[in-house]
Amino acid sequence: MYQVVDSSESLLLLGGGDFSTRRFMRATVKTTNYLLATLLLLGLAGCDRLEKDILSAPDDDQLGRYGLDDVKLGDKRAEAGKQLEALLGKPLQCKTGKTGLGDNRKAYAMEECKAVAVNGQVGKLWDEKVTFMEAVFVENQLCSLQMQLQTNGDYEALYDAHGKKILNLFGKPDETSSKEVKWQREGDETLLKDLGNGKIAIDIRNKKVMQALHHKGDKLL
């Protein structure tokens, strides 16, 4: 399996040039890495258009926090829940409880919300069938959003339909392989994974918070 990792950190460690020059170098390496990997791994026919899409994707400093069109990490529970229910067309089923974070002994309010599937489907995203959706809120803020899409497996057609939208939402990817694309910025992370048979997983999360949770399943009431 091929994998390309953003190597611009090594350039920054050299300490040459001013900040704006180093940031430009980082963005250039990041774009080039993903572009080369995409051409190698996906072999899309529309390479000229793909190159233009990658180069025109927003940089990190042009984006807010990761999320979907109307739901972002850090959104308050009431608004995020409202937007997710509007997207799915049905209410969420939620469990509330308490959890710890890292070495802090304080108990934090936590809520896990899932969409209930009907005939194997919980809703639609980008005109594709959503078969699973779970949102996690900690202290009234959205910290994780996981979804699974069931597609027809024609990834070239999927890129034609949704590729530019995804790049505009998340920007230029940081890492890519034949099965996974990763975006990361500060404490946030988004993973797009090919699970096979047309199944695609989307994991949008506050990485620092989600890794620090103490056995969240055992803590819920």
C-alpha atoms as a PDB file:
ATOM      1  CA  MET A   1       0.000   0.000   0.000  1.00  0.00           C
ATOM      2  CA  TYR A   2       1.387   3.357  -1.003  1.00  0.00           C
ATOM      3  CA  GLN A   3       1.379   6.195   1.484  1.00  0.00           C
ATOM      4  CA  VAL A   4       2.414   9.806   1.180  1.00  0.00           C
ATOM      5  CA  VAL A   5       2.981  11.864   4.315  1.00  0.00           C
ATOM      6  CA  ASP A   6       3.401  15.623   4.424  1.00  0.00           C
ATOM      7  CA  SER A   7       7.177  16.122   4.673  1.00  0.00           C
ATOM      8  CA  SER A   8       7.131  19.916   4.891  1.00  0.00           C
ATOM      9  CA  GLU A   9       7.956  19.814   8.624  1.00  0.00           C
ATOM     10  CA  SER A  10      11.523  18.846   7.763  1.00  0.00           C
ATOM     11  CA  LEU A  11      11.779  21.917   5.552  1.00  0.00           C
ATOM     12  CA  LEU A  12      10.552  24.176   8.335  1.00  0.00           C
ATOM     13  CA  LEU A  13      13.132  22.742  10.745  1.00  0.00           C
ATOM     14  CA  LEU A  14      15.853  24.100   8.522  1.00  0.00           C
ATOM     15  CA  GLY A  15      14.829  27.564   9.707  1.00  0.00           C
ATOM     16  CA  GLY A  16      15.532  29.242   6.376  1.00  0.00           C
ATOM     17  CA  GLY A  17      13.436  32.152   5.114  1.00  0.00           C
ATOM     18  CA  ASP A  18      10.744  34.163   6.829  1.00  0.00           C
ATOM     19  CA  PHE A  19       7.415  32.820   8.084  1.00  0.00           C
ATOM     20  CA  SER A  20       5.456  33.615   4.920  1.00  0.00           C
ATOM     21  CA  THR A  21       8.088  31.836   2.790  1.00  0.00           C
ATOM     22  CA  ARG A  22       8.063  28.744   5.023  1.00  0.00           C
ATOM     23  CA  ARG A  23       4.248  28.638   5.005  1.00  0.00           C
ATOM     24  CA  PHE A  24       4.297  28.836   1.197  1.00  0.00           C
ATOM     25  CA  MET A  25       6.815  25.963   1.080  1.00  0.00           C
ATOM     26  CA  ARG A  26       4.617  23.885   3.391  1.00  0.00           C
ATOM     27  CA  ALA A  27       1.499  24.486   1.287  1.00  0.00           C
ATOM     28  CA  THR A  28       3.387  23.671  -1.923  1.00  0.00           C
ATOM     29  CA  VAL A  29       4.813  20.393  -0.585  1.00  0.00           C
ATOM     30  CA  LYS A  30       1.437  19.421   0.851  1.00  0.00           C
ATOM     31  CA  THR A  31      -0.330  20.062  -2.462  1.00  0.00           C
ATOM     32  CA  THR A  32       2.323  18.275  -4.517  1.00  0.00           C
ATOM     33  CA  ASN A  33       2.353  15.226  -2.229  1.00  0.00           C
ATOM     34  CA  TYR A  34      -1.381  14.726  -2.457  1.00  0.00           C
ATOM     35  CA  LEU A  35      -1.525  15.436  -6.165  1.00  0.00           C
ATOM     36  CA  LEU A  36       1.158  12.856  -6.985  1.00  0.00           C
ATOM     37  CA  ALA A  37      -0.418  10.250  -4.706  1.00  0.00           C
ATOM     38  CA  THR A  38      -3.862  10.805  -6.173  1.00  0.00           C
ATOM     39  CA  LEU A  39      -2.634  10.415  -9.726  1.00  0.00           C
ATOM     40  CA  LEU A  40      -0.777   7.219  -8.770  1.00  0.00           C
ATOM     41  CA  LEU A  41      -3.442   5.587  -6.650  1.00  0.00           C
ATOM     42  CA  LEU A  42      -6.704   6.600  -8.268  1.00  0.00           C
ATOM     43  CA  GLY A  43      -5.621   6.931 -11.886  1.00  0.00           C
ATOM     44  CA  LEU A  44      -8.547   9.217 -12.617  1.00  0.00           C
ATOM     45  CA  ALA A  45      -9.159  10.036 -16.241  1.00  0.00           C
ATOM     46  CA  GLY A  46      -9.765  13.728 -15.647  1.00  0.00           C
ATOM     47  CA  CYS A  47      -6.267  14.457 -14.338  1.00  0.00           C
ATOM     48  CA  ASP A  48      -6.188  18.020 -15.644  1.00  0.00           C
ATOM     49  CA  ARG A  49      -9.422  18.848 -13.818  1.00  0.00           C
ATOM     50  CA  LEU A  50      -8.230  17.023 -10.685  1.00  0.00           C
ATOM     51  CA  GLU A  51      -5.031  19.069 -10.662  1.00  0.00           C
ATOM     52  CA  LYS A  52      -7.015  22.293 -10.912  1.00  0.00           C
ATOM     53  CA  ASP A  53      -9.339  21.187  -8.086  1.00  0.00           C
ATOM     54  CA  ILE A  54      -6.406  20.382  -5.794  1.00  0.00           C
ATOM     55  CA  LEU A  55      -4.592  23.630  -6.501  1.00  0.00           C
ATOM     56  CA  SER A  56      -7.748  25.691  -5.970  1.00  0.00           C
ATOM     57  CA  ALA A  57      -8.701  23.939  -2.694  1.00  0.00           C
ATOM     58  CA  PRO A  58      -8.557  26.299   0.309  1.00  0.00           C
ATOM     59  CA  ASP A  59      -5.517  26.379   2.596  1.00  0.00           C
ATOM     60  CA  ASP A  60      -5.842  25.743   6.342  1.00  0.00           C
ATOM     61  CA  ASP A  61      -5.914  29.441   7.210  1.00  0.00           C
ATOM     62  CA  GLN A  62      -8.940  29.912   4.931  1.00  0.00           C
ATOM     63  CA  LEU A  63     -11.053  27.288   6.704  1.00  0.00           C
ATOM     64  CA  GLY A  64     -12.968  27.108   9.953  1.00  0.00           C
ATOM     65  CA  ARG A  65     -13.298  23.890  11.941  1.00  0.00           C
ATOM     66  CA  TYR A  66     -13.997  20.616  10.162  1.00  0.00           C
ATOM     67  CA  GLY A  67     -17.550  19.456   9.568  1.00  0.00           C
ATOM     68  CA  LEU A  68     -20.303  19.274   6.987  1.00  0.00           C
ATOM     69  CA  ASP A  69     -22.002  22.228   5.303  1.00  0.00           C
ATOM     70  CA  ASP A  70     -24.132  23.216   8.317  1.00  0.00           C
ATOM     71  CA  VAL A  71     -22.569  21.201  11.174  1.00  0.00           C
ATOM     72  CA  LYS A  72     -19.055  21.882  12.484  1.00  0.00           C
ATOM     73  CA  LEU A  73     -16.910  20.640  15.359  1.00  0.00           C
ATOM     74  CA  GLY A  74     -17.438  22.865  18.373  1.00  0.00           C
ATOM     75  CA  ASP A  75     -21.062  23.649  17.492  1.00  0.00           C
ATOM     76  CA  LYS A  76     -23.442  23.757  20.445  1.00  0.00           C
ATOM     77  CA  ARG A  77     -25.570  20.660  21.081  1.00  0.00           C
ATOM     78  CA  ALA A  78     -28.931  22.287  20.301  1.00  0.00           C
ATOM     79  CA  GLU A  79     -27.911  23.747  16.935  1.00  0.00           C
ATOM     80  CA  ALA A  80     -25.820  20.758  15.824  1.00  0.00           C
ATOM     81  CA  GLY A  81     -28.603  18.338  16.775  1.00  0.00           C
ATOM     82  CA  LYS A  82     -31.137  20.414  14.862  1.00  0.00           C
ATOM     83  CA  GLN A  83     -28.975  20.445  11.729  1.00  0.00           C
ATOM     84  CA  LEU A  84     -28.233  16.705  11.903  1.00  0.00           C
ATOM     85  CA  GLU A  85     -31.905  15.844  12.308  1.00  0.00           C
ATOM     86  CA  ALA A  86     -32.728  18.083   9.342  1.00  0.00           C
ATOM     87  CA  LEU A  87     -30.064  16.297   7.283  1.00  0.00           C
ATOM     88  CA  LEU A  88     -31.350  12.845   8.232  1.00  0.00           C
ATOM     89  CA  GLY A  89     -35.031  13.692   8.274  1.00  0.00           C
ATOM     90  CA  LYS A  90     -35.563  11.924  11.591  1.00  0.00           C
ATOM     91  CA  PRO A  91     -34.849  12.468  15.320  1.00  0.00           C
ATOM     92  CA  LEU A  92     -31.673  11.218  16.966  1.00  0.00           C
ATOM     93  CA  GLN A  93     -31.616   8.721  19.830  1.00  0.00           C
ATOM     94  CA  CYS A  94     -29.274   9.942  22.558  1.00  0.00           C
ATOM     95  CA  LYS A  95     -27.709   8.718  25.814  1.00  0.00           C
ATOM     96  CA  THR A  96     -26.328  11.135  28.384  1.00  0.00           C
ATOM     97  CA  GLY A  97     -23.754  10.570  31.092  1.00  0.00           C
ATOM     98  CA  LYS A  98     -20.425  11.677  32.518  1.00  0.00           C
ATOM     99  CA  THR A  99     -16.851  11.012  31.454  1.00  0.00           C
ATOM    100  CA  GLY A 100     -13.302  11.930  32.411  1.00  0.00           C
ATOM    101  CA  LEU A 101     -10.717  13.528  30.167  1.00  0.00           C
ATOM    102  CA  GLY A 102      -7.052  12.608  30.414  1.00  0.00           C
ATOM    103  CA  ASP A 103      -5.594  12.993  33.901  1.00  0.00           C
ATOM    104  CA  ASN A 104      -8.300  15.437  34.963  1.00  0.00           C
ATOM    105  CA  ARG A 105     -10.535  13.968  37.671  1.00  0.00           C
ATOM    106  CA  LYS A 106     -13.395  16.303  36.870  1.00  0.00           C
ATOM    107  CA  ALA A 107     -16.547  14.655  35.480  1.00  0.00           C
ATOM    108  CA  TYR A 108     -17.599  16.135  32.149  1.00  0.00           C
ATOM    109  CA  ALA A 109     -21.085  16.017  30.660  1.00  0.00           C
ATOM    110  CA  MET A 110     -21.240  13.761  27.631  1.00  0.00           C
ATOM    111  CA  GLU A 111     -23.938  12.750  25.162  1.00  0.00           C
ATOM    112  CA  GLU A 112     -23.856  10.115  22.417  1.00  0.00           C
ATOM    113  CA  CYS A 113     -26.463  10.405  19.662  1.00  0.00           C
ATOM    114  CA  LYS A 114     -27.190   7.861  16.943  1.00  0.00           C
ATOM    115  CA  ALA A 115     -29.541   7.780  13.981  1.00  0.00           C
ATOM    116  CA  VAL A 116     -31.899   4.804  13.780  1.00  0.00           C
ATOM    117  CA  ALA A 117     -31.730   2.927  10.486  1.00  0.00           C
ATOM    118  CA  VAL A 118     -34.875   2.119   8.511  1.00  0.00           C
ATOM    119  CA  ASN A 119     -34.353  -0.569   5.868  1.00  0.00           C
ATOM    120  CA  GLY A 120     -30.607  -0.206   6.376  1.00  0.00           C
ATOM    121  CA  GLN A 121     -30.563   3.557   5.831  1.00  0.00           C
ATOM    122  CA  VAL A 122     -30.500   6.511   8.237  1.00  0.00           C
ATOM    123  CA  GLY A 123     -30.545   9.284   5.639  1.00  0.00           C
ATOM    124  CA  LYS A 124     -28.608  10.753   2.712  1.00  0.00           C
ATOM    125  CA  LEU A 125     -25.457  12.831   2.345  1.00  0.00           C
ATOM    126  CA  TRP A 126     -24.355  14.239  -1.029  1.00  0.00           C
ATOM    127  CA  ASP A 127     -27.099  12.096  -2.626  1.00  0.00           C
ATOM    128  CA  GLU A 128     -25.480   8.924  -1.253  1.00  0.00           C
ATOM    129  CA  LYS A 129     -27.130   6.502   1.201  1.00  0.00           C
ATOM    130  CA  VAL A 130     -26.045   6.944   4.840  1.00  0.00           C
ATOM    131  CA  THR A 131     -26.149   3.625   6.728  1.00  0.00           C
ATOM    132  CA  PHE A 132     -24.647   4.809  10.052  1.00  0.00           C
ATOM    133  CA  MET A 133     -24.330   8.106  11.908  1.00  0.00           C
ATOM    134  CA  GLU A 134     -23.128   8.866  15.427  1.00  0.00           C
ATOM    135  CA  ALA A 135     -22.416  12.239  17.057  1.00  0.00           C
ATOM    136  CA  VAL A 136     -20.627  12.737  20.385  1.00  0.00           C
ATOM    137  CA  PHE A 137     -21.020  15.900  22.462  1.00  0.00           C
ATOM    138  CA  VAL A 138     -18.786  16.782  25.412  1.00  0.00           C
ATOM    139  CA  GLU A 139     -19.690  19.761  27.593  1.00  0.00           C
ATOM    140  CA  ASN A 140     -22.432  20.738  25.117  1.00  0.00           C
ATOM    141  CA  GLN A 141     -20.078  20.893  22.115  1.00  0.00           C
ATOM    142  CA  LEU A 142     -19.843  18.587  19.091  1.00  0.00           C
ATOM    143  CA  CYS A 143     -16.573  16.638  19.386  1.00  0.00           C
ATOM    144  CA  SER A 144     -17.101  13.762  16.946  1.00  0.00           C
ATOM    145  CA  LEU A 145     -19.227  12.954  13.915  1.00  0.00           C
ATOM    146  CA  GLN A 146     -18.982   9.513  12.307  1.00  0.00           C
ATOM    147  CA  MET A 147     -20.874   8.429   9.211  1.00  0.00           C
ATOM    148  CA  GLN A 148     -20.817   5.529   6.777  1.00  0.00           C
ATOM    149  CA  LEU A 149     -21.970   5.851   3.169  1.00  0.00           C
ATOM    150  CA  GLN A 150     -23.053   3.050   0.873  1.00  0.00           C
ATOM    151  CA  THR A 151     -22.176   3.920  -2.722  1.00  0.00           C
ATOM    152  CA  ASN A 152     -22.173   2.006  -5.992  1.00  0.00           C
ATOM    153  CA  GLY A 153     -18.374   1.691  -5.829  1.00  0.00           C
ATOM    154  CA  ASP A 154     -17.709   3.824  -8.931  1.00  0.00           C
ATOM    155  CA  TYR A 155     -15.137   6.118  -7.304  1.00  0.00           C
ATOM    156  CA  GLU A 156     -14.386   8.050 -10.469  1.00  0.00           C
ATOM    157  CA  ALA A 157     -18.068   8.952 -10.739  1.00  0.00           C
ATOM    158  CA  LEU A 158     -18.104   9.797  -7.029  1.00  0.00           C
ATOM    159  CA  TYR A 159     -15.185  12.153  -7.468  1.00  0.00           C
ATOM    160  CA  ASP A 160     -16.919  13.779 -10.419  1.00  0.00           C
ATOM    161  CA  ALA A 161     -20.003  14.329  -8.256  1.00  0.00           C
ATOM    162  CA  HIS A 162     -18.517  15.175  -4.852  1.00  0.00           C
ATOM    163  CA  GLY A 163     -14.727  15.552  -5.030  1.00  0.00           C
ATOM    164  CA  LYS A 164     -14.604  19.324  -5.327  1.00  0.00           C
ATOM    165  CA  LYS A 165     -17.179  19.728  -2.558  1.00  0.00           C
ATOM    166  CA  ILE A 166     -15.066  17.577  -0.206  1.00  0.00           C
ATOM    167  CA  LEU A 167     -11.899  19.521  -1.022  1.00  0.00           C
ATOM    168  CA  ASN A 168     -13.711  22.809  -0.404  1.00  0.00           C
ATOM    169  CA  LEU A 169     -14.931  21.531   2.985  1.00  0.00           C
ATOM    170  CA  PHE A 170     -11.635  20.131   4.262  1.00  0.00           C
ATOM    171  CA  GLY A 171      -8.949  21.752   2.131  1.00  0.00           C
ATOM    172  CA  LYS A 172      -5.749  20.138   0.890  1.00  0.00           C
ATOM    173  CA  PRO A 173      -5.222  16.692   2.529  1.00  0.00           C
ATOM    174  CA  ASP A 174      -2.242  15.989   4.777  1.00  0.00           C
ATOM    175  CA  GLU A 175      -1.870  12.249   4.143  1.00  0.00           C
ATOM    176  CA  THR A 176      -3.237   9.799   1.609  1.00  0.00           C
ATOM    177  CA  SER A 177      -3.033   6.108   0.822  1.00  0.00           C
ATOM    178  CA  SER A 178      -4.905   3.714  -1.425  1.00  0.00           C
ATOM    179  CA  LYS A 179      -7.610   3.327   1.228  1.00  0.00           C
ATOM    180  CA  GLU A 180      -7.575   6.521   3.285  1.00  0.00           C
ATOM    181  CA  VAL A 181      -7.309  10.295   3.079  1.00  0.00           C
ATOM    182  CA  LYS A 182      -6.515  12.344   6.203  1.00  0.00           C
ATOM    183  CA  TRP A 183      -6.903  16.029   6.984  1.00  0.00           C
ATOM    184  CA  GLN A 184      -5.582  17.434  10.261  1.00  0.00           C
ATOM    185  CA  ARG A 185      -5.370  20.918  11.702  1.00  0.00           C
ATOM    186  CA  GLU A 186      -4.491  21.845  15.276  1.00  0.00           C
ATOM    187  CA  GLY A 187      -6.501  19.401  17.434  1.00  0.00           C
ATOM    188  CA  ASP A 188      -9.013  18.392  14.742  1.00  0.00           C
ATOM    189  CA  GLU A 189      -8.872  15.495  12.289  1.00  0.00           C
ATOM    190  CA  THR A 190     -10.964  14.139   9.420  1.00  0.00           C
ATOM    191  CA  LEU A 191     -10.547  10.646   7.937  1.00  0.00           C
ATOM    192  CA  LEU A 192     -12.139   9.421   4.725  1.00  0.00           C
ATOM    193  CA  LYS A 193     -11.768   5.635   4.423  1.00  0.00           C
ATOM    194  CA  ASP A 194     -12.604   3.144   1.697  1.00  0.00           C
ATOM    195  CA  LEU A 195     -14.028   0.091   3.491  1.00  0.00           C
ATOM    196  CA  GLY A 196     -14.559  -1.884   0.290  1.00  0.00           C
ATOM    197  CA  ASN A 197     -17.705  -2.878  -1.630  1.00  0.00           C
ATOM    198  CA  GLY A 198     -18.632   0.770  -2.124  1.00  0.00           C
ATOM    199  CA  LYS A 199     -18.647   1.564   1.614  1.00  0.00           C
ATOM    200  CA  ILE A 200     -17.016   4.821   2.681  1.00  0.00           C
ATOM    201  CA  ALA A 201     -16.469   5.900   6.304  1.00  0.00           C
ATOM    202  CA  ILE A 202     -16.203   9.558   7.336  1.00  0.00           C
ATOM    203  CA  ASP A 203     -14.769  10.346  10.772  1.00  0.00           C
ATOM    204  CA  ILE A 204     -14.678  14.024  11.802  1.00  0.00           C
ATOM    205  CA  ARG A 205     -13.415  14.580  15.329  1.00  0.00           C
ATOM    206  CA  ASN A 206     -11.666  16.693  17.908  1.00  0.00           C
ATOM    207  CA  LYS A 207      -8.773  14.259  18.177  1.00  0.00           C
ATOM    208  CA  LYS A 208      -7.430  15.559  21.489  1.00  0.00           C
ATOM    209  CA  VAL A 209     -10.782  15.255  23.257  1.00  0.00           C
ATOM    210  CA  MET A 210     -11.801  11.898  21.768  1.00  0.00           C
ATOM    211  CA  GLN A 211      -8.450  10.269  22.598  1.00  0.00           C
ATOM    212  CA  ALA A 212      -8.659  11.566  26.173  1.00  0.00           C
ATOM    213  CA  LEU A 213     -12.120  10.144  26.940  1.00  0.00           C
ATOM    214  CA  HIS A 214     -12.189   7.572  29.762  1.00  0.00           C
ATOM    215  CA  HIS A 215     -14.032   4.445  28.607  1.00  0.00           C
ATOM    216  CA  LYS A 216     -16.952   6.475  27.350  1.00  0.00           C
ATOM    217  CA  GLY A 217     -19.205   3.457  26.834  1.00  0.00           C
ATOM    218  CA  ASP A 218     -18.944   2.437  30.504  1.00  0.00           C
ATOM    219  CA  LYS A 219     -19.610   5.931  31.740  1.00  0.00           C
ATOM    220  CA  LEU A 220     -22.954   6.493  30.022  1.00  0.00           C
ATOM    221  CA  LEU A 221     -26.140   6.132  32.040  1.00  0.00           C
END
